[in-house]
Amino acid sequence: MNPSPLPLNERLAALDIIRGIALLGIFLVNIPAFASPIFIFQLYDVPYEYKGMDAYIDLFLLLFVQGKFFTIFSFLFGLGCGIFLHRAEEKHYFAAALWSRRMASLLLIGLFHLIFFWYGDILHVYAIGGFLMLFFYNRKTKTILLWAIGLLCFFYLLACMQFFTPAHVLQEAQREYKVLHEHALTQYLST
């Protein structure tokens, strides 16, 4: 078993083009994080406001880039998973083992990048999602739909749990969080 990259004549050019456009969009969304301390402001809940042309650029990125390109890229990741597994099975490879090895490599790269370079890394999340996708490969449409609805409901149930937490508990937790991270924010902004 010697898996190798696809020859150019077997690649789906349209998917590569859409993937490139999605990566460009994700790059546009991340430019503020590389050029300013915006992620640190968000992480430590520090109020910030764009003014002038920056406000219009931020609005454009929020409306037309941020939600769109992450969704497209995630969809293409899932589609790529299906294509990869299908082609591996056609060649009589053990598809799940190949995919697991690929996701393990992505997880290691993502964790390395997360720990040593940038806390906004998403590769490790894609790797975990890639492992989970194996449970849904070659399943009936009805099974996948039921799982999707169930997971969506579970997510919203967890999101609604904060409404049942007393306000004074949330305020106290927020105060403690700000005190714990105030020094780190000051140090980051001064460098």
N, C-alpha and C. Protein backbone atom coordinates (compact mmCIF):
# COMPACT_ATOMS: atom_id res chain seq x y z
N MET A 1 0.84 -1.17 0.00
CA MET A 1 0.00 0.00 0.00
C MET A 1 0.89 1.24 0.00
N ASN A 2 0.84 1.98 -1.10
CA ASN A 2 1.66 3.17 -1.25
C ASN A 2 0.78 4.32 -1.72
N PRO A 3 -0.01 4.94 -0.84
CA PRO A 3 -0.85 6.04 -1.26
C PRO A 3 0.00 7.23 -1.68
N SER A 4 -0.43 7.90 -2.73
CA SER A 4 0.31 9.05 -3.23
C SER A 4 -0.68 10.15 -3.62
N PRO A 5 -0.19 11.37 -3.79
CA PRO A 5 -1.09 12.46 -4.19
C PRO A 5 -1.76 12.16 -5.53
N LEU A 6 -2.91 12.76 -5.72
CA LEU A 6 -3.64 12.55 -6.97
C LEU A 6 -2.90 13.20 -8.14
N PRO A 7 -2.89 12.56 -9.28
CA PRO A 7 -2.36 13.23 -10.47
C PRO A 7 -3.24 14.43 -10.81
N LEU A 8 -2.67 15.42 -11.48
CA LEU A 8 -3.41 16.64 -11.78
C LEU A 8 -4.68 16.38 -12.58
N ASN A 9 -4.67 15.37 -13.45
CA ASN A 9 -5.85 15.12 -14.27
C ASN A 9 -7.00 14.50 -13.47
N GLU A 10 -6.76 14.03 -12.24
CA GLU A 10 -7.82 13.46 -11.41
C GLU A 10 -8.33 14.43 -10.35
N ARG A 11 -7.68 15.57 -10.19
CA ARG A 11 -8.12 16.54 -9.19
C ARG A 11 -9.36 17.26 -9.67
N LEU A 12 -10.17 17.71 -8.74
CA LEU A 12 -11.37 18.48 -9.07
C LEU A 12 -11.00 19.95 -8.97
N ALA A 13 -10.74 20.56 -10.13
CA ALA A 13 -10.24 21.93 -10.18
C ALA A 13 -11.20 22.91 -9.52
N ALA A 14 -12.50 22.71 -9.70
CA ALA A 14 -13.49 23.63 -9.11
C ALA A 14 -13.37 23.64 -7.59
N LEU A 15 -13.17 22.47 -6.99
CA LEU A 15 -13.02 22.42 -5.53
C LEU A 15 -11.75 23.13 -5.08
N ASP A 16 -10.67 22.96 -5.84
CA ASP A 16 -9.42 23.63 -5.48
C ASP A 16 -9.58 25.15 -5.57
N ILE A 17 -10.30 25.63 -6.58
CA ILE A 17 -10.51 27.06 -6.74
C ILE A 17 -11.37 27.61 -5.60
N ILE A 18 -12.45 26.92 -5.28
CA ILE A 18 -13.32 27.36 -4.18
C ILE A 18 -12.57 27.32 -2.86
N ARG A 19 -11.76 26.29 -2.66
CA ARG A 19 -10.96 26.18 -1.44
C ARG A 19 -9.97 27.35 -1.34
N GLY A 20 -9.36 27.72 -2.45
CA GLY A 20 -8.44 28.85 -2.45
C GLY A 20 -9.14 30.15 -2.13
N ILE A 21 -10.32 30.35 -2.69
CA ILE A 21 -11.10 31.57 -2.39
C ILE A 21 -11.48 31.60 -0.92
N ALA A 22 -11.89 30.45 -0.38
CA ALA A 22 -12.25 30.38 1.05
C ALA A 22 -11.04 30.69 1.93
N LEU A 23 -9.88 30.17 1.56
CA LEU A 23 -8.66 30.46 2.34
C LEU A 23 -8.31 31.94 2.27
N LEU A 24 -8.51 32.56 1.11
CA LEU A 24 -8.27 34.00 0.99
C LEU A 24 -9.21 34.76 1.92
N GLY A 25 -10.49 34.35 1.95
CA GLY A 25 -11.44 34.99 2.85
C GLY A 25 -11.07 34.84 4.31
N ILE A 26 -10.63 33.66 4.69
CA ILE A 26 -10.20 33.42 6.07
C ILE A 26 -8.98 34.28 6.40
N PHE A 27 -8.08 34.42 5.44
CA PHE A 27 -6.91 35.28 5.62
C PHE A 27 -7.36 36.73 5.85
N LEU A 28 -8.35 37.19 5.08
CA LEU A 28 -8.86 38.55 5.26
C LEU A 28 -9.44 38.75 6.66
N VAL A 29 -10.13 37.75 7.17
CA VAL A 29 -10.71 37.84 8.51
C VAL A 29 -9.61 37.90 9.57
N ASN A 30 -8.51 37.20 9.34
CA ASN A 30 -7.45 37.13 10.34
C ASN A 30 -6.45 38.28 10.27
N ILE A 31 -6.51 39.09 9.24
CA ILE A 31 -5.56 40.21 9.13
C ILE A 31 -5.62 41.12 10.36
N PRO A 32 -6.81 41.50 10.86
CA PRO A 32 -6.80 42.35 12.07
C PRO A 32 -6.08 41.71 13.25
N ALA A 33 -6.13 40.40 13.37
CA ALA A 33 -5.45 39.73 14.49
C ALA A 33 -3.93 39.84 14.34
N PHE A 34 -3.46 39.85 13.09
CA PHE A 34 -2.02 39.93 12.87
C PHE A 34 -1.52 41.36 12.94
N ALA A 35 -2.39 42.33 12.67
CA ALA A 35 -1.96 43.72 12.59
C ALA A 35 -2.32 44.54 13.84
N SER A 36 -3.16 43.98 14.72
CA SER A 36 -3.56 44.71 15.91
C SER A 36 -3.89 43.72 17.02
N PRO A 37 -4.07 44.22 18.23
CA PRO A 37 -4.38 43.31 19.35
C PRO A 37 -5.87 42.98 19.47
N ILE A 38 -6.59 42.90 18.37
CA ILE A 38 -8.04 42.73 18.41
C ILE A 38 -8.46 41.43 19.10
N PHE A 39 -7.75 40.32 18.85
CA PHE A 39 -8.11 39.06 19.50
C PHE A 39 -7.89 39.14 21.00
N ILE A 40 -6.85 39.85 21.42
CA ILE A 40 -6.59 40.01 22.85
C ILE A 40 -7.72 40.83 23.48
N PHE A 41 -8.16 41.87 22.78
CA PHE A 41 -9.30 42.65 23.29
C PHE A 41 -10.52 41.75 23.45
N GLN A 42 -10.79 40.91 22.46
CA GLN A 42 -11.94 40.02 22.53
C GLN A 42 -11.76 38.98 23.63
N LEU A 43 -10.56 38.43 23.74
CA LEU A 43 -10.29 37.40 24.74
C LEU A 43 -10.51 37.92 26.15
N TYR A 44 -10.07 39.16 26.43
CA TYR A 44 -10.17 39.71 27.77
C TYR A 44 -11.36 40.66 27.94
N ASP A 45 -12.27 40.65 26.97
CA ASP A 45 -13.51 41.42 27.05
C ASP A 45 -13.25 42.91 27.26
N VAL A 46 -12.27 43.43 26.54
CA VAL A 46 -11.97 44.86 26.60
C VAL A 46 -12.75 45.55 25.49
N PRO A 47 -13.52 46.58 25.84
CA PRO A 47 -14.30 47.26 24.78
C PRO A 47 -13.38 47.96 23.79
N TYR A 48 -13.74 47.87 22.54
CA TYR A 48 -12.99 48.56 21.48
C TYR A 48 -14.00 49.01 20.43
N GLU A 49 -13.61 50.03 19.69
CA GLU A 49 -14.53 50.55 18.68
C GLU A 49 -13.71 51.04 17.50
N TYR A 50 -14.15 50.63 16.32
CA TYR A 50 -13.52 51.11 15.11
C TYR A 50 -14.14 52.45 14.73
N LYS A 51 -13.33 53.31 14.13
CA LYS A 51 -13.82 54.62 13.71
C LYS A 51 -13.41 54.86 12.26
N GLY A 52 -14.19 55.67 11.60
CA GLY A 52 -13.87 56.06 10.23
C GLY A 52 -13.93 54.88 9.28
N MET A 53 -12.94 54.82 8.40
CA MET A 53 -12.88 53.77 7.38
C MET A 53 -12.75 52.39 8.00
N ASP A 54 -12.08 52.29 9.16
CA ASP A 54 -11.93 51.00 9.83
C ASP A 54 -13.29 50.40 10.19
N ALA A 55 -14.24 51.25 10.58
CA ALA A 55 -15.58 50.76 10.93
C ALA A 55 -16.27 50.16 9.70
N TYR A 56 -16.10 50.78 8.53
CA TYR A 56 -16.72 50.25 7.31
C TYR A 56 -16.06 48.95 6.87
N ILE A 57 -14.75 48.89 7.01
CA ILE A 57 -14.04 47.65 6.65
C ILE A 57 -14.45 46.52 7.59
N ASP A 58 -14.56 46.82 8.89
CA ASP A 58 -14.99 45.81 9.85
C ASP A 58 -16.41 45.33 9.54
N LEU A 59 -17.30 46.24 9.21
CA LEU A 59 -18.67 45.87 8.85
C LEU A 59 -18.68 44.99 7.60
N PHE A 60 -17.89 45.34 6.60
CA PHE A 60 -17.81 44.53 5.38
C PHE A 60 -17.31 43.12 5.70
N LEU A 61 -16.26 43.03 6.52
CA LEU A 61 -15.70 41.72 6.86
C LEU A 61 -16.72 40.88 7.64
N LEU A 62 -17.46 41.51 8.54
CA LEU A 62 -18.46 40.77 9.31
C LEU A 62 -19.60 40.27 8.42
N LEU A 63 -20.08 41.12 7.52
CA LEU A 63 -21.25 40.76 6.71
C LEU A 63 -20.92 39.81 5.57
N PHE A 64 -19.80 40.05 4.89
CA PHE A 64 -19.55 39.34 3.64
C PHE A 64 -18.40 38.34 3.69
N VAL A 65 -17.64 38.32 4.76
CA VAL A 65 -16.46 37.45 4.77
C VAL A 65 -16.50 36.45 5.91
N GLN A 66 -16.60 36.93 7.14
CA GLN A 66 -16.36 36.07 8.30
C GLN A 66 -17.25 34.83 8.34
N GLY A 67 -18.53 34.99 8.33
CA GLY A 67 -19.41 33.83 8.42
C GLY A 67 -19.43 33.00 7.16
N LYS A 68 -19.17 33.61 6.03
CA LYS A 68 -19.30 32.92 4.75
C LYS A 68 -18.13 31.98 4.48
N PHE A 69 -16.93 32.48 4.60
CA PHE A 69 -15.78 31.69 4.17
C PHE A 69 -15.44 30.57 5.13
N PHE A 70 -15.68 30.77 6.43
CA PHE A 70 -15.47 29.67 7.37
C PHE A 70 -16.43 28.53 7.07
N THR A 71 -17.68 28.88 6.74
CA THR A 71 -18.67 27.87 6.42
C THR A 71 -18.29 27.13 5.14
N ILE A 72 -17.89 27.87 4.13
CA ILE A 72 -17.49 27.24 2.86
C ILE A 72 -16.30 26.32 3.09
N PHE A 73 -15.31 26.78 3.84
CA PHE A 73 -14.11 25.97 4.07
C PHE A 73 -14.46 24.72 4.87
N SER A 74 -15.33 24.84 5.85
CA SER A 74 -15.73 23.67 6.63
C SER A 74 -16.49 22.67 5.77
N PHE A 75 -17.37 23.17 4.91
CA PHE A 75 -18.09 22.29 4.00
C PHE A 75 -17.10 21.55 3.09
N LEU A 76 -16.13 22.28 2.56
CA LEU A 76 -15.14 21.65 1.67
C LEU A 76 -14.29 20.63 2.41
N PHE A 77 -14.05 20.86 3.69
CA PHE A 77 -13.31 19.89 4.49
C PHE A 77 -14.09 18.58 4.58
N GLY A 78 -15.38 18.68 4.87
CA GLY A 78 -16.23 17.49 4.93
C GLY A 78 -16.34 16.80 3.59
N LEU A 79 -16.49 17.58 2.53
CA LEU A 79 -16.56 17.01 1.19
C LEU A 79 -15.25 16.31 0.83
N GLY A 80 -14.14 16.94 1.18
CA GLY A 80 -12.84 16.34 0.94
C GLY A 80 -12.67 15.03 1.69
N CYS A 81 -13.21 14.98 2.90
CA CYS A 81 -13.18 13.73 3.68
C CYS A 81 -13.91 12.63 2.93
N GLY A 82 -15.12 12.94 2.45
CA GLY A 82 -15.89 11.94 1.72
C GLY A 82 -15.19 11.48 0.46
N ILE A 83 -14.64 12.41 -0.30
CA ILE A 83 -13.93 12.06 -1.54
C ILE A 83 -12.71 11.21 -1.22
N PHE A 84 -11.96 11.60 -0.20
CA PHE A 84 -10.76 10.86 0.19
C PHE A 84 -11.11 9.41 0.55
N LEU A 85 -12.11 9.25 1.41
CA LEU A 85 -12.49 7.90 1.85
C LEU A 85 -13.03 7.07 0.69
N HIS A 86 -13.82 7.69 -0.18
CA HIS A 86 -14.38 6.97 -1.32
C HIS A 86 -13.27 6.51 -2.27
N ARG A 87 -12.33 7.38 -2.58
CA ARG A 87 -11.24 7.02 -3.49
C ARG A 87 -10.32 5.97 -2.87
N ALA A 88 -10.11 6.06 -1.56
CA ALA A 88 -9.27 5.06 -0.89
C ALA A 88 -9.94 3.69 -0.94
N GLU A 89 -11.25 3.65 -0.76
CA GLU A 89 -11.96 2.37 -0.85
C GLU A 89 -11.93 1.80 -2.26
N GLU A 90 -12.02 2.69 -3.27
CA GLU A 90 -11.95 2.23 -4.66
C GLU A 90 -10.61 1.54 -4.95
N LYS A 91 -9.56 2.01 -4.31
CA LYS A 91 -8.23 1.43 -4.51
C LYS A 91 -7.95 0.29 -3.54
N HIS A 92 -8.96 -0.09 -2.78
CA HIS A 92 -8.89 -1.21 -1.82
C HIS A 92 -7.89 -0.96 -0.70
N TYR A 93 -7.76 0.31 -0.31
CA TYR A 93 -6.98 0.64 0.87
C TYR A 93 -7.91 0.60 2.09
N PHE A 94 -7.32 0.51 3.26
CA PHE A 94 -8.11 0.60 4.48
C PHE A 94 -8.32 2.09 4.76
N ALA A 95 -9.43 2.62 4.26
CA ALA A 95 -9.67 4.06 4.23
C ALA A 95 -9.66 4.69 5.61
N ALA A 96 -10.28 4.05 6.58
CA ALA A 96 -10.36 4.63 7.92
C ALA A 96 -8.98 4.80 8.53
N ALA A 97 -8.09 3.84 8.30
CA ALA A 97 -6.73 3.95 8.85
C ALA A 97 -5.97 5.09 8.18
N LEU A 98 -6.12 5.24 6.87
CA LEU A 98 -5.44 6.33 6.17
C LEU A 98 -5.96 7.68 6.64
N TRP A 99 -7.29 7.77 6.77
CA TRP A 99 -7.88 9.03 7.22
C TRP A 99 -7.47 9.33 8.65
N SER A 100 -7.44 8.34 9.51
CA SER A 100 -7.04 8.54 10.90
C SER A 100 -5.59 9.01 10.99
N ARG A 101 -4.74 8.43 10.17
CA ARG A 101 -3.32 8.85 10.16
C ARG A 101 -3.21 10.31 9.71
N ARG A 102 -4.00 10.65 8.70
CA ARG A 102 -3.99 12.03 8.20
C ARG A 102 -4.49 13.00 9.28
N MET A 103 -5.56 12.63 9.98
CA MET A 103 -6.11 13.50 11.03
C MET A 103 -5.18 13.57 12.24
N ALA A 104 -4.48 12.49 12.54
CA ALA A 104 -3.51 12.51 13.64
C ALA A 104 -2.38 13.49 13.31
N SER A 105 -1.93 13.48 12.07
CA SER A 105 -0.89 14.43 11.65
C SER A 105 -1.40 15.86 11.74
N LEU A 106 -2.63 16.09 11.28
CA LEU A 106 -3.21 17.42 11.35
C LEU A 106 -3.36 17.87 12.80
N LEU A 107 -3.74 16.95 13.68
CA LEU A 107 -3.89 17.27 15.09
C LEU A 107 -2.55 17.66 15.71
N LEU A 108 -1.50 16.92 15.40
CA LEU A 108 -0.17 17.25 15.93
C LEU A 108 0.30 18.61 15.43
N ILE A 109 0.13 18.88 14.15
CA ILE A 109 0.52 20.17 13.59
C ILE A 109 -0.30 21.29 14.24
N GLY A 110 -1.61 21.06 14.37
CA GLY A 110 -2.48 22.07 14.98
C GLY A 110 -2.13 22.35 16.43
N LEU A 111 -1.86 21.31 17.21
CA LEU A 111 -1.49 21.51 18.61
C LEU A 111 -0.15 22.22 18.75
N PHE A 112 0.80 21.85 17.91
CA PHE A 112 2.10 22.52 17.91
C PHE A 112 1.92 24.01 17.61
N HIS A 113 1.14 24.30 16.59
CA HIS A 113 0.89 25.69 16.21
C HIS A 113 0.13 26.43 17.30
N LEU A 114 -0.84 25.77 17.91
CA LEU A 114 -1.64 26.37 18.98
C LEU A 114 -0.78 26.70 20.20
N ILE A 115 0.08 25.79 20.57
CA ILE A 115 0.89 25.96 21.78
C ILE A 115 2.04 26.95 21.58
N PHE A 116 2.71 26.87 20.43
CA PHE A 116 3.93 27.66 20.27
C PHE A 116 3.80 28.92 19.42
N PHE A 117 2.73 29.04 18.63
CA PHE A 117 2.67 30.18 17.73
C PHE A 117 1.45 31.07 17.90
N TRP A 118 0.24 30.50 17.83
CA TRP A 118 -0.93 31.36 17.81
C TRP A 118 -2.12 30.65 18.42
N TYR A 119 -2.73 31.29 19.42
CA TYR A 119 -3.85 30.65 20.12
C TYR A 119 -5.12 30.63 19.27
N GLY A 120 -5.14 31.28 18.13
CA GLY A 120 -6.31 31.28 17.26
C GLY A 120 -6.31 30.14 16.27
N ASP A 121 -5.41 29.18 16.45
CA ASP A 121 -5.29 28.07 15.50
C ASP A 121 -6.58 27.24 15.48
N ILE A 122 -6.95 26.75 14.32
CA ILE A 122 -8.18 25.99 14.16
C ILE A 122 -7.91 24.57 13.66
N LEU A 123 -6.68 24.28 13.31
CA LEU A 123 -6.36 22.96 12.73
C LEU A 123 -6.71 21.81 13.66
N HIS A 124 -6.45 21.99 14.95
CA HIS A 124 -6.75 20.89 15.89
C HIS A 124 -8.25 20.63 15.96
N VAL A 125 -9.07 21.67 15.79
CA VAL A 125 -10.53 21.48 15.80
C VAL A 125 -10.96 20.71 14.55
N TYR A 126 -10.37 21.05 13.40
CA TYR A 126 -10.67 20.30 12.18
C TYR A 126 -10.25 18.84 12.31
N ALA A 127 -9.11 18.60 12.95
CA ALA A 127 -8.65 17.22 13.12
C ALA A 127 -9.62 16.42 13.99
N ILE A 128 -10.08 17.00 15.08
CA ILE A 128 -11.04 16.31 15.94
C ILE A 128 -12.34 16.07 15.17
N GLY A 129 -12.78 17.08 14.43
CA GLY A 129 -13.97 16.91 13.60
C GLY A 129 -13.77 15.84 12.55
N GLY A 130 -12.56 15.76 12.00
CA GLY A 130 -12.25 14.73 11.01
C GLY A 130 -12.33 13.33 11.59
N PHE A 131 -11.86 13.17 12.83
CA PHE A 131 -12.00 11.87 13.49
C PHE A 131 -13.48 11.53 13.69
N LEU A 132 -14.27 12.51 14.09
CA LEU A 132 -15.69 12.28 14.35
C LEU A 132 -16.46 11.97 13.06
N MET A 133 -16.00 12.51 11.94
CA MET A 133 -16.69 12.25 10.67
C MET A 133 -16.65 10.78 10.27
N LEU A 134 -15.66 10.06 10.77
CA LEU A 134 -15.59 8.63 10.44
C LEU A 134 -16.82 7.87 10.93
N PHE A 135 -17.43 8.34 12.01
CA PHE A 135 -18.62 7.67 12.53
C PHE A 135 -19.84 7.84 11.61
N PHE A 136 -19.77 8.84 10.74
CA PHE A 136 -20.92 9.12 9.88
C PHE A 136 -20.70 8.71 8.43
N TYR A 137 -19.53 8.19 8.13
CA TYR A 137 -19.25 7.79 6.75
C TYR A 137 -20.03 6.51 6.43
N ASN A 138 -20.65 6.49 5.26
CA ASN A 138 -21.46 5.36 4.77
C ASN A 138 -22.67 5.06 5.66
N ARG A 139 -23.22 6.08 6.28
CA ARG A 139 -24.43 5.91 7.06
C ARG A 139 -25.62 6.36 6.22
N LYS A 140 -26.81 5.93 6.63
CA LYS A 140 -28.02 6.32 5.93
C LYS A 140 -28.27 7.82 6.15
N THR A 141 -28.91 8.43 5.16
CA THR A 141 -29.21 9.86 5.24
C THR A 141 -30.06 10.17 6.46
N LYS A 142 -31.02 9.31 6.75
CA LYS A 142 -31.91 9.52 7.90
C LYS A 142 -31.11 9.51 9.21
N THR A 143 -30.14 8.61 9.32
CA THR A 143 -29.31 8.53 10.53
C THR A 143 -28.51 9.81 10.70
N ILE A 144 -27.92 10.29 9.62
CA ILE A 144 -27.12 11.52 9.69
C ILE A 144 -28.01 12.70 10.05
N LEU A 145 -29.20 12.77 9.46
CA LEU A 145 -30.11 13.86 9.75
C LEU A 145 -30.54 13.85 11.21
N LEU A 146 -30.85 12.68 11.75
CA LEU A 146 -31.25 12.59 13.16
C LEU A 146 -30.11 13.02 14.08
N TRP A 147 -28.90 12.59 13.77
CA TRP A 147 -27.74 13.00 14.57
C TRP A 147 -27.53 14.51 14.47
N ALA A 148 -27.66 15.07 13.28
CA ALA A 148 -27.47 16.51 13.09
C ALA A 148 -28.48 17.29 13.92
N ILE A 149 -29.74 16.89 13.86
CA ILE A 149 -30.78 17.57 14.63
C ILE A 149 -30.52 17.41 16.13
N GLY A 150 -30.16 16.20 16.54
CA GLY A 150 -29.88 15.96 17.95
C GLY A 150 -28.70 16.78 18.47
N LEU A 151 -27.62 16.84 17.70
CA LEU A 151 -26.45 17.61 18.13
C LEU A 151 -26.74 19.11 18.15
N LEU A 152 -27.52 19.57 17.18
CA LEU A 152 -27.91 20.98 17.16
C LEU A 152 -28.75 21.33 18.38
N CYS A 153 -29.71 20.48 18.70
CA CYS A 153 -30.54 20.71 19.89
C CYS A 153 -29.69 20.68 21.16
N PHE A 154 -28.76 19.74 21.24
CA PHE A 154 -27.88 19.65 22.41
C PHE A 154 -27.03 20.92 22.55
N PHE A 155 -26.51 21.42 21.43
CA PHE A 155 -25.72 22.65 21.44
C PHE A 155 -26.54 23.82 21.98
N TYR A 156 -27.77 23.96 21.47
CA TYR A 156 -28.61 25.07 21.92
C TYR A 156 -29.06 24.89 23.36
N LEU A 157 -29.22 23.67 23.80
CA LEU A 157 -29.55 23.42 25.19
C LEU A 157 -28.40 23.89 26.10
N LEU A 158 -27.17 23.55 25.70
CA LEU A 158 -26.02 24.02 26.48
C LEU A 158 -25.92 25.54 26.46
N ALA A 159 -26.20 26.15 25.31
CA ALA A 159 -26.15 27.61 25.22
C ALA A 159 -27.20 28.26 26.11
N CYS A 160 -28.34 27.61 26.25
CA CYS A 160 -29.43 28.16 27.07
C CYS A 160 -29.18 27.97 28.57
N MET A 161 -28.25 27.12 28.93
CA MET A 161 -27.98 26.86 30.35
C MET A 161 -27.57 28.13 31.09
N GLN A 162 -26.94 29.06 30.40
CA GLN A 162 -26.50 30.28 31.08
C GLN A 162 -27.69 31.13 31.55
N PHE A 163 -28.84 30.94 30.92
CA PHE A 163 -30.02 31.69 31.34
C PHE A 163 -30.53 31.23 32.70
N PHE A 164 -30.13 30.04 33.12
CA PHE A 164 -30.57 29.50 34.40
C PHE A 164 -29.56 29.76 35.52
N THR A 165 -28.43 30.36 35.17
CA THR A 165 -27.42 30.70 36.16
C THR A 165 -27.78 32.06 36.76
N PRO A 166 -27.80 32.17 38.08
CA PRO A 166 -28.15 33.46 38.69
C PRO A 166 -27.19 34.57 38.25
N ALA A 167 -27.74 35.77 38.11
CA ALA A 167 -26.97 36.90 37.60
C ALA A 167 -25.76 37.21 38.48
N HIS A 168 -25.92 37.12 39.80
CA HIS A 168 -24.80 37.45 40.69
C HIS A 168 -23.63 36.47 40.51
N VAL A 169 -23.92 35.22 40.19
CA VAL A 169 -22.86 34.24 39.95
C VAL A 169 -22.09 34.59 38.68
N LEU A 170 -22.81 34.96 37.62
CA LEU A 170 -22.15 35.35 36.37
C LEU A 170 -21.32 36.61 36.55
N GLN A 171 -21.85 37.60 37.28
CA GLN A 171 -21.11 38.84 37.50
C GLN A 171 -19.84 38.60 38.32
N GLU A 172 -19.94 37.76 39.33
CA GLU A 172 -18.76 37.43 40.14
C GLU A 172 -17.71 36.72 39.31
N ALA A 173 -18.14 35.78 38.49
CA ALA A 173 -17.19 35.07 37.62
C ALA A 173 -16.53 36.03 36.64
N GLN A 174 -17.29 36.99 36.11
CA GLN A 174 -16.72 37.96 35.18
C GLN A 174 -15.70 38.85 35.88
N ARG A 175 -16.00 39.28 37.11
CA ARG A 175 -15.05 40.10 37.86
C ARG A 175 -13.75 39.34 38.12
N GLU A 176 -13.86 38.08 38.53
CA GLU A 176 -12.66 37.27 38.78
C GLU A 176 -11.86 37.08 37.51
N TYR A 177 -12.54 36.86 36.41
CA TYR A 177 -11.86 36.67 35.13
C TYR A 177 -11.06 37.91 34.75
N LYS A 178 -11.68 39.09 34.92
CA LYS A 178 -10.98 40.34 34.56
C LYS A 178 -9.77 40.56 35.45
N VAL A 179 -9.90 40.29 36.75
CA VAL A 179 -8.77 40.48 37.67
C VAL A 179 -7.63 39.53 37.31
N LEU A 180 -7.97 38.29 37.00
CA LEU A 180 -6.93 37.30 36.67
C LEU A 180 -6.15 37.67 35.41
N HIS A 181 -6.84 38.27 34.44
CA HIS A 181 -6.20 38.49 33.14
C HIS A 181 -5.80 39.95 32.88
N GLU A 182 -6.06 40.83 33.84
CA GLU A 182 -5.72 42.23 33.63
C GLU A 182 -4.22 42.43 33.45
N HIS A 183 -3.43 41.74 34.24
CA HIS A 183 -1.97 41.86 34.14
C HIS A 183 -1.48 41.37 32.79
N ALA A 184 -1.99 40.22 32.34
CA ALA A 184 -1.55 39.66 31.05
C ALA A 184 -1.91 40.61 29.91
N LEU A 185 -3.07 41.25 29.96
CA LEU A 185 -3.46 42.17 28.92
C LEU A 185 -2.56 43.41 28.92
N THR A 186 -2.28 43.95 30.09
CA THR A 186 -1.41 45.11 30.19
C THR A 186 -0.03 44.79 29.64
N GLN A 187 0.48 43.64 29.99
CA GLN A 187 1.80 43.22 29.51
C GLN A 187 1.79 43.05 27.99
N TYR A 188 0.75 42.47 27.44
CA TYR A 188 0.67 42.26 25.99
C TYR A 188 0.62 43.59 25.25
N LEU A 189 -0.19 44.51 25.75
CA LEU A 189 -0.36 45.79 25.06
C LEU A 189 0.88 46.67 25.17
N SER A 190 1.70 46.47 26.21
CA SER A 190 2.89 47.29 26.37
C SER A 190 4.05 46.81 25.51
N THR A 191 4.00 45.58 25.00
CA THR A 191 5.09 45.07 24.17
C THR A 191 4.88 45.34 22.71
